[in-house]
Protein backbone atom coordinates (compact mmCIF):
# COMPACT_ATOMS: atom_id res chain seq x y z
CA UNK A 1 -24.15 20.52 179.30
CA UNK A 2 -22.66 17.13 178.48
CA UNK A 3 -23.66 14.01 180.36
CA UNK A 4 -21.74 10.73 180.50
CA UNK A 5 -24.97 8.81 181.08
CA UNK A 6 -28.56 9.23 179.97
CA UNK A 7 -30.90 11.21 182.20
CA UNK A 8 -33.61 8.92 183.57
CA UNK A 9 -36.19 11.05 185.43
CA UNK A 10 -38.10 8.08 186.87
CA UNK A 11 -34.92 6.46 188.28
CA UNK A 12 -33.74 9.80 189.71
CA UNK A 13 -37.15 10.51 191.26
CA UNK A 14 -37.20 7.06 192.88
CA UNK A 15 -33.67 7.45 194.24
CA UNK A 16 -34.39 10.93 195.60
CA UNK A 17 -37.58 9.67 197.23
CA UNK A 18 -35.63 6.82 198.89
CA UNK A 19 -32.93 9.21 200.14
CA UNK A 20 -35.54 11.68 201.45
CA UNK A 21 -37.28 8.85 203.34
CA UNK A 22 -33.95 7.79 204.90
CA UNK A 23 -33.13 11.36 205.90
CA UNK A 24 -36.59 11.84 207.40
CA UNK A 25 -36.23 8.60 209.35
CA UNK A 26 -32.79 9.66 210.62
CA UNK A 27 -34.14 13.07 211.66
CA UNK A 28 -37.13 11.43 213.39
CA UNK A 29 -34.74 9.18 215.32
CA UNK A 30 -32.93 12.29 216.55
CA UNK A 31 -36.11 14.17 217.52
CA UNK A 32 -35.60 15.99 220.79
CA UNK A 33 -31.82 16.32 220.34
CA UNK A 34 -31.15 19.79 218.98
CA UNK A 35 -27.42 19.18 218.43
CA UNK A 36 -28.10 16.04 216.39
CA UNK A 37 -30.78 17.69 214.26
CA UNK A 38 -28.51 20.74 213.78
CA UNK A 39 -25.82 18.36 212.52
CA UNK A 40 -28.30 16.94 209.98
CA UNK A 41 -29.25 20.46 208.83
CA UNK A 42 -25.59 21.44 208.44
CA UNK A 43 -24.91 18.30 206.43
CA UNK A 44 -27.83 19.05 204.12
CA UNK A 45 -26.61 22.62 203.66
CA UNK A 46 -23.06 21.47 202.87
CA UNK A 47 -24.36 18.89 200.39
CA UNK A 48 -26.52 21.54 198.72
CA UNK A 49 -23.54 23.90 198.39
CA UNK A 50 -21.26 21.17 196.99
CA UNK A 51 -23.77 20.03 194.39
CA UNK A 52 -24.49 23.63 193.39
CA UNK A 53 -20.86 24.79 193.22
CA UNK A 54 -19.10 21.65 191.95
CA UNK A 55 -21.73 19.99 189.77
CA UNK A 56 -24.48 22.40 188.75
CA UNK A 57 -22.71 25.71 188.07
CA UNK A 58 -19.82 24.25 186.01
CA UNK A 59 -22.34 22.44 183.80
CA UNK A 60 -24.62 25.34 182.96
CA UNK A 61 -25.69 25.41 179.31
CA UNK A 62 -23.24 26.84 176.83
CA UNK A 63 -25.76 28.48 174.52
CA UNK A 64 -28.87 30.65 174.80
CA UNK A 65 -31.28 27.98 173.58
CA UNK A 66 -30.21 25.42 176.20
CA UNK A 67 -30.13 28.12 178.89
CA UNK A 68 -33.66 29.20 177.96
CA UNK A 69 -34.81 25.57 178.22
CA UNK A 70 -33.20 25.23 181.66
CA UNK A 71 -34.75 28.48 182.90
CA UNK A 72 -38.16 27.46 181.54
CA UNK A 73 -37.90 24.12 183.32
CA UNK A 74 -36.87 25.83 186.56
CA UNK A 75 -39.83 28.21 186.31
CA UNK A 76 -42.31 25.40 185.59
CA UNK A 77 -41.02 23.08 188.29
CA UNK A 78 -40.61 25.37 191.26
CA UNK A 79 -37.67 27.66 190.66
CA UNK A 80 -34.28 27.67 192.31
CA UNK A 81 -33.78 25.21 195.20
CA UNK A 82 -33.25 27.08 198.42
CA UNK A 83 -32.39 25.93 201.92
CA UNK A 84 -33.86 28.50 204.24
CA UNK A 85 -31.90 29.36 207.34
CA UNK A 86 -33.72 30.44 210.44
CA UNK A 87 -32.81 33.98 211.38
CA UNK A 88 -31.34 34.43 214.83
CA UNK A 89 -34.22 36.68 215.90
CA UNK A 90 -36.80 34.02 214.90
CA UNK A 91 -34.71 31.41 216.70
CA UNK A 92 -34.70 33.46 219.90
CA UNK A 93 -38.46 34.10 219.72
CA UNK A 94 -39.03 30.37 219.24
CA UNK A 95 -36.68 29.63 222.14
CA UNK A 96 -38.57 32.05 224.39
CA UNK A 97 -41.86 30.45 223.38
CA UNK A 98 -40.48 26.97 224.14
CA UNK A 99 -39.38 28.16 227.57
CA UNK A 100 -42.77 29.74 228.30
CA UNK A 101 -41.56 33.33 228.11
CA UNK A 102 -44.23 35.58 226.56
CA UNK A 103 -43.19 37.62 223.50
CA UNK A 104 -42.04 41.19 224.10
CA UNK A 105 -44.61 43.52 222.46
CA UNK A 106 -41.87 46.17 222.01
CA UNK A 107 -39.93 43.94 219.56
């Protein structure tokens, strides 16, 4: 797990906070436009997959000690990052609710 530059947690936290604020502002500007907000969600999902596959996985620790440290840190700080996808059934129930259609008790 070699790095070309030193890890600075405070700098990274500040940058991530700034990016999250910008993303939230962008999403808020698109409120009410489902296609625009879907585009934002797809972009986040693609970014997550790229970082995971191209940057995280290839740089996993090469020995048990470093791997144990990484796993301990993951456990202490919230586990594996996960982008939850709404299931189609939940989407349809939410759509029915938005359109004023009462839920089907048989489902």
